[in-house]
Amino acid sequence: MRTIKAFAVAALLATSAGAAMASPFQVDSSVQVLDEARYATVLTVNPSEARSLAIDVDTASLQQKIKNNPALARTVQDQGFQIDQIVGLDANGVDSAAITLYAL
């Protein structure tokens, strides 16, 4: 009986640790979708959310992809943000019209 309890506790701890490491955002970090994107919605996140987003995507690569796409860079700036504020991405990888960028 004690062995079963030990395994149950170990399984619970392993599951909890995995859930704690996961981002709270449902983010598909397909940075390649930014190559052809013409528009993205930019939403503001707090520092805690920004740290969670950093798990899913390399921020420097994301910002560089935006800089390399003049239309996308312009739409970010038109919404009142700077490219260096962008910390996350949500894109389904298929529809380049459904892109959300997260800014700190």
N, C-alpha and C. Protein backbone atom coordinates (compact mmCIF):
# COMPACT_ATOMS: atom_id res chain seq x y z
N MET A 1 0.82 -1.19 0.00
CA MET A 1 0.00 0.00 0.00
C MET A 1 0.86 1.25 0.00
N ARG A 2 1.94 1.23 0.79
CA ARG A 2 2.83 2.40 0.84
C ARG A 2 3.51 2.63 -0.50
N THR A 3 3.80 1.57 -1.22
CA THR A 3 4.42 1.69 -2.53
C THR A 3 3.49 2.39 -3.51
N ILE A 4 2.22 2.02 -3.45
CA ILE A 4 1.23 2.65 -4.34
C ILE A 4 1.11 4.13 -4.02
N LYS A 5 1.07 4.48 -2.74
CA LYS A 5 0.99 5.88 -2.35
C LYS A 5 2.22 6.64 -2.82
N ALA A 6 3.37 6.04 -2.71
CA ALA A 6 4.62 6.69 -3.14
C ALA A 6 4.58 6.97 -4.63
N PHE A 7 4.11 5.98 -5.41
CA PHE A 7 4.01 6.19 -6.85
C PHE A 7 2.97 7.26 -7.19
N ALA A 8 1.88 7.27 -6.48
CA ALA A 8 0.84 8.27 -6.71
C ALA A 8 1.35 9.67 -6.42
N VAL A 9 2.08 9.83 -5.32
CA VAL A 9 2.64 11.14 -4.97
C VAL A 9 3.68 11.55 -6.00
N ALA A 10 4.52 10.63 -6.44
CA ALA A 10 5.54 10.94 -7.44
C ALA A 10 4.89 11.38 -8.75
N ALA A 11 3.84 10.69 -9.15
CA ALA A 11 3.14 11.05 -10.38
C ALA A 11 2.49 12.42 -10.27
N LEU A 12 1.90 12.70 -9.13
CA LEU A 12 1.28 14.00 -8.91
C LEU A 12 2.31 15.12 -8.96
N LEU A 13 3.44 14.91 -8.33
CA LEU A 13 4.50 15.92 -8.33
C LEU A 13 5.05 16.14 -9.73
N ALA A 14 5.23 15.07 -10.48
CA ALA A 14 5.74 15.21 -11.84
C ALA A 14 4.76 15.98 -12.71
N THR A 15 3.49 15.70 -12.58
CA THR A 15 2.46 16.40 -13.36
C THR A 15 2.40 17.86 -12.96
N SER A 16 2.47 18.15 -11.69
CA SER A 16 2.42 19.53 -11.21
C SER A 16 3.61 20.33 -11.70
N ALA A 17 4.79 19.73 -11.69
CA ALA A 17 5.99 20.42 -12.15
C ALA A 17 5.89 20.75 -13.63
N GLY A 18 5.37 19.82 -14.42
CA GLY A 18 5.19 20.07 -15.85
C GLY A 18 4.20 21.18 -16.12
N ALA A 19 3.14 21.21 -15.36
CA ALA A 19 2.13 22.26 -15.53
C ALA A 19 2.67 23.61 -15.11
N ALA A 20 3.51 23.64 -14.10
CA ALA A 20 4.08 24.90 -13.64
C ALA A 20 5.04 25.48 -14.67
N MET A 21 5.71 24.63 -15.44
CA MET A 21 6.66 25.10 -16.45
C MET A 21 5.97 25.55 -17.72
N ALA A 22 4.77 25.12 -17.95
CA ALA A 22 4.06 25.44 -19.19
C ALA A 22 3.59 26.89 -19.17
N SER A 23 3.55 27.48 -20.33
CA SER A 23 3.06 28.84 -20.47
C SER A 23 1.54 28.86 -20.32
N PRO A 24 0.99 29.90 -19.68
CA PRO A 24 -0.46 29.99 -19.56
C PRO A 24 -1.14 30.38 -20.87
N PHE A 25 -0.36 30.79 -21.85
CA PHE A 25 -0.90 31.18 -23.14
C PHE A 25 -0.93 29.97 -24.06
N GLN A 26 -1.94 29.90 -24.88
CA GLN A 26 -2.00 28.87 -25.91
C GLN A 26 -1.27 29.45 -27.12
N VAL A 27 0.03 29.32 -27.12
CA VAL A 27 0.84 30.00 -28.13
C VAL A 27 1.46 28.99 -29.08
N ASP A 28 1.25 29.22 -30.35
CA ASP A 28 1.97 28.49 -31.37
C ASP A 28 3.03 29.46 -31.86
N SER A 29 4.25 29.22 -31.50
CA SER A 29 5.30 30.19 -31.77
C SER A 29 5.96 29.93 -33.13
N SER A 30 5.17 29.93 -34.18
CA SER A 30 5.65 29.75 -35.54
C SER A 30 6.17 31.08 -36.06
N VAL A 31 7.42 31.37 -35.78
CA VAL A 31 8.00 32.65 -36.14
C VAL A 31 8.05 32.81 -37.67
N GLN A 32 8.14 31.69 -38.40
CA GLN A 32 8.22 31.77 -39.86
C GLN A 32 6.98 32.40 -40.49
N VAL A 33 5.84 32.35 -39.82
CA VAL A 33 4.62 32.95 -40.37
C VAL A 33 4.78 34.47 -40.51
N LEU A 34 5.72 35.05 -39.79
CA LEU A 34 5.93 36.51 -39.86
C LEU A 34 6.55 36.95 -41.17
N ASP A 35 7.17 36.03 -41.91
CA ASP A 35 7.80 36.40 -43.18
C ASP A 35 6.80 36.98 -44.18
N GLU A 36 5.58 36.45 -44.18
CA GLU A 36 4.58 36.90 -45.15
C GLU A 36 3.45 37.71 -44.53
N ALA A 37 3.50 37.93 -43.24
CA ALA A 37 2.42 38.66 -42.55
C ALA A 37 2.43 40.13 -42.95
N ARG A 38 1.24 40.69 -43.05
CA ARG A 38 1.09 42.11 -43.36
C ARG A 38 0.47 42.88 -42.21
N TYR A 39 -0.15 42.17 -41.27
CA TYR A 39 -0.82 42.82 -40.15
C TYR A 39 -0.81 41.89 -38.94
N ALA A 40 -0.74 42.47 -37.77
CA ALA A 40 -0.86 41.71 -36.54
C ALA A 40 -1.51 42.59 -35.48
N THR A 41 -2.28 41.99 -34.63
CA THR A 41 -2.83 42.69 -33.48
C THR A 41 -1.79 42.65 -32.37
N VAL A 42 -1.57 43.78 -31.71
CA VAL A 42 -0.59 43.85 -30.63
C VAL A 42 -1.34 44.05 -29.32
N LEU A 43 -1.10 43.17 -28.36
CA LEU A 43 -1.70 43.26 -27.04
C LEU A 43 -0.61 43.47 -25.99
N THR A 44 -0.96 44.16 -24.92
CA THR A 44 -0.01 44.42 -23.85
C THR A 44 -0.07 43.31 -22.81
N VAL A 45 1.11 42.91 -22.31
CA VAL A 45 1.20 41.93 -21.24
C VAL A 45 2.01 42.53 -20.09
N ASN A 46 1.85 41.95 -18.91
CA ASN A 46 2.63 42.41 -17.76
C ASN A 46 3.94 41.61 -17.71
N PRO A 47 4.88 42.00 -16.85
CA PRO A 47 6.18 41.31 -16.80
C PRO A 47 6.08 39.80 -16.52
N SER A 48 5.15 39.40 -15.69
CA SER A 48 4.99 37.97 -15.40
C SER A 48 4.54 37.21 -16.65
N GLU A 49 3.59 37.77 -17.36
CA GLU A 49 3.12 37.15 -18.60
C GLU A 49 4.24 37.13 -19.65
N ALA A 50 5.04 38.19 -19.67
CA ALA A 50 6.15 38.26 -20.62
C ALA A 50 7.16 37.14 -20.37
N ARG A 51 7.43 36.84 -19.09
CA ARG A 51 8.34 35.74 -18.78
C ARG A 51 7.77 34.41 -19.25
N SER A 52 6.47 34.23 -19.11
CA SER A 52 5.84 33.01 -19.60
C SER A 52 5.93 32.89 -21.12
N LEU A 53 5.78 34.00 -21.80
CA LEU A 53 5.88 33.99 -23.26
C LEU A 53 7.30 33.68 -23.72
N ALA A 54 8.29 34.09 -22.94
CA ALA A 54 9.68 33.85 -23.30
C ALA A 54 10.01 32.37 -23.35
N ILE A 55 9.22 31.54 -22.68
CA ILE A 55 9.41 30.10 -22.73
C ILE A 55 9.13 29.59 -24.14
N ASP A 56 8.18 30.20 -24.81
CA ASP A 56 7.68 29.70 -26.09
C ASP A 56 8.44 30.20 -27.32
N VAL A 57 9.10 31.33 -27.22
CA VAL A 57 9.73 31.91 -28.40
C VAL A 57 10.98 32.70 -28.01
N ASP A 58 11.97 32.68 -28.89
CA ASP A 58 13.17 33.47 -28.70
C ASP A 58 12.84 34.92 -29.06
N THR A 59 12.86 35.78 -28.07
CA THR A 59 12.43 37.18 -28.25
C THR A 59 13.30 37.91 -29.28
N ALA A 60 14.60 37.70 -29.25
CA ALA A 60 15.49 38.39 -30.19
C ALA A 60 15.17 37.98 -31.63
N SER A 61 14.93 36.70 -31.86
CA SER A 61 14.59 36.22 -33.21
C SER A 61 13.25 36.78 -33.66
N LEU A 62 12.31 36.81 -32.74
CA LEU A 62 10.98 37.36 -33.05
C LEU A 62 11.09 38.82 -33.46
N GLN A 63 11.79 39.61 -32.68
CA GLN A 63 11.94 41.03 -32.99
C GLN A 63 12.67 41.24 -34.31
N GLN A 64 13.68 40.40 -34.60
CA GLN A 64 14.41 40.52 -35.87
C GLN A 64 13.51 40.19 -37.05
N LYS A 65 12.66 39.17 -36.91
CA LYS A 65 11.73 38.82 -37.98
C LYS A 65 10.78 39.98 -38.28
N ILE A 66 10.33 40.66 -37.22
CA ILE A 66 9.43 41.81 -37.41
C ILE A 66 10.17 42.94 -38.11
N LYS A 67 11.40 43.21 -37.70
CA LYS A 67 12.20 44.26 -38.34
C LYS A 67 12.44 43.97 -39.81
N ASN A 68 12.58 42.69 -40.16
CA ASN A 68 12.84 42.30 -41.54
C ASN A 68 11.59 42.37 -42.43
N ASN A 69 10.43 42.59 -41.83
CA ASN A 69 9.18 42.68 -42.58
C ASN A 69 8.64 44.11 -42.42
N PRO A 70 8.91 45.00 -43.39
CA PRO A 70 8.52 46.40 -43.26
C PRO A 70 7.03 46.63 -43.01
N ALA A 71 6.18 45.86 -43.66
CA ALA A 71 4.73 46.03 -43.46
C ALA A 71 4.33 45.68 -42.04
N LEU A 72 4.89 44.61 -41.51
CA LEU A 72 4.58 44.20 -40.15
C LEU A 72 5.17 45.18 -39.13
N ALA A 73 6.37 45.65 -39.39
CA ALA A 73 6.99 46.63 -38.49
C ALA A 73 6.15 47.91 -38.44
N ARG A 74 5.64 48.32 -39.58
CA ARG A 74 4.82 49.52 -39.64
C ARG A 74 3.51 49.34 -38.86
N THR A 75 2.88 48.17 -38.97
CA THR A 75 1.62 47.95 -38.25
C THR A 75 1.84 47.90 -36.74
N VAL A 76 2.99 47.40 -36.30
CA VAL A 76 3.32 47.42 -34.86
C VAL A 76 3.45 48.86 -34.39
N GLN A 77 4.17 49.66 -35.14
CA GLN A 77 4.38 51.06 -34.77
C GLN A 77 3.10 51.87 -34.87
N ASP A 78 2.25 51.56 -35.83
CA ASP A 78 0.97 52.26 -35.97
C ASP A 78 0.05 52.02 -34.77
N GLN A 79 0.25 50.91 -34.08
CA GLN A 79 -0.55 50.61 -32.89
C GLN A 79 0.07 51.19 -31.62
N GLY A 80 1.15 51.97 -31.79
CA GLY A 80 1.76 52.67 -30.65
C GLY A 80 2.83 51.89 -29.92
N PHE A 81 3.38 50.87 -30.53
CA PHE A 81 4.42 50.06 -29.90
C PHE A 81 5.72 50.15 -30.67
N GLN A 82 6.81 49.88 -29.98
CA GLN A 82 8.12 49.76 -30.62
C GLN A 82 8.43 48.27 -30.77
N ILE A 83 9.21 47.93 -31.76
CA ILE A 83 9.53 46.53 -32.02
C ILE A 83 10.25 45.90 -30.83
N ASP A 84 11.07 46.67 -30.14
CA ASP A 84 11.80 46.10 -28.99
C ASP A 84 10.90 45.82 -27.79
N GLN A 85 9.64 46.21 -27.85
CA GLN A 85 8.68 45.89 -26.80
C GLN A 85 8.01 44.54 -27.02
N ILE A 86 8.13 43.98 -28.21
CA ILE A 86 7.46 42.72 -28.54
C ILE A 86 8.18 41.56 -27.85
N VAL A 87 7.40 40.76 -27.11
CA VAL A 87 7.98 39.67 -26.33
C VAL A 87 7.34 38.31 -26.63
N GLY A 88 6.28 38.28 -27.43
CA GLY A 88 5.62 37.01 -27.69
C GLY A 88 4.79 37.03 -28.95
N LEU A 89 4.36 35.86 -29.35
CA LEU A 89 3.67 35.67 -30.61
C LEU A 89 2.63 34.57 -30.46
N ASP A 90 1.50 34.78 -31.11
CA ASP A 90 0.49 33.73 -31.22
C ASP A 90 0.04 33.71 -32.67
N ALA A 91 0.37 32.63 -33.35
CA ALA A 91 0.00 32.49 -34.77
C ALA A 91 -0.28 31.04 -35.04
N ASN A 92 -1.28 30.78 -35.85
CA ASN A 92 -1.64 29.39 -36.11
C ASN A 92 -0.77 28.74 -37.19
N GLY A 93 0.12 29.49 -37.81
CA GLY A 93 1.03 28.93 -38.79
C GLY A 93 0.44 28.72 -40.17
N VAL A 94 -0.88 28.83 -40.29
CA VAL A 94 -1.54 28.61 -41.58
C VAL A 94 -2.08 29.92 -42.12
N ASP A 95 -2.74 30.67 -41.28
CA ASP A 95 -3.40 31.90 -41.67
C ASP A 95 -2.59 33.09 -41.18
N SER A 96 -1.85 33.74 -42.08
CA SER A 96 -1.00 34.86 -41.66
C SER A 96 -1.83 36.07 -41.26
N ALA A 97 -3.15 36.02 -41.42
CA ALA A 97 -4.00 37.11 -40.99
C ALA A 97 -4.36 37.00 -39.52
N ALA A 98 -4.12 35.86 -38.91
CA ALA A 98 -4.51 35.63 -37.52
C ALA A 98 -3.28 35.63 -36.61
N ILE A 99 -2.58 36.75 -36.56
CA ILE A 99 -1.37 36.87 -35.76
C ILE A 99 -1.62 37.85 -34.63
N THR A 100 -1.22 37.44 -33.43
CA THR A 100 -1.24 38.34 -32.28
C THR A 100 0.16 38.43 -31.74
N LEU A 101 0.63 39.66 -31.55
CA LEU A 101 1.93 39.89 -30.94
C LEU A 101 1.68 40.44 -29.54
N TYR A 102 2.56 40.11 -28.62
CA TYR A 102 2.43 40.58 -27.24
C TYR A 102 3.58 41.52 -26.94
N ALA A 103 3.24 42.68 -26.37
CA ALA A 103 4.23 43.70 -26.06
C ALA A 103 4.26 43.97 -24.56
N LEU A 104 5.44 44.26 -24.08
CA LEU A 104 5.63 44.56 -22.68
C LEU A 104 5.47 46.05 -22.46
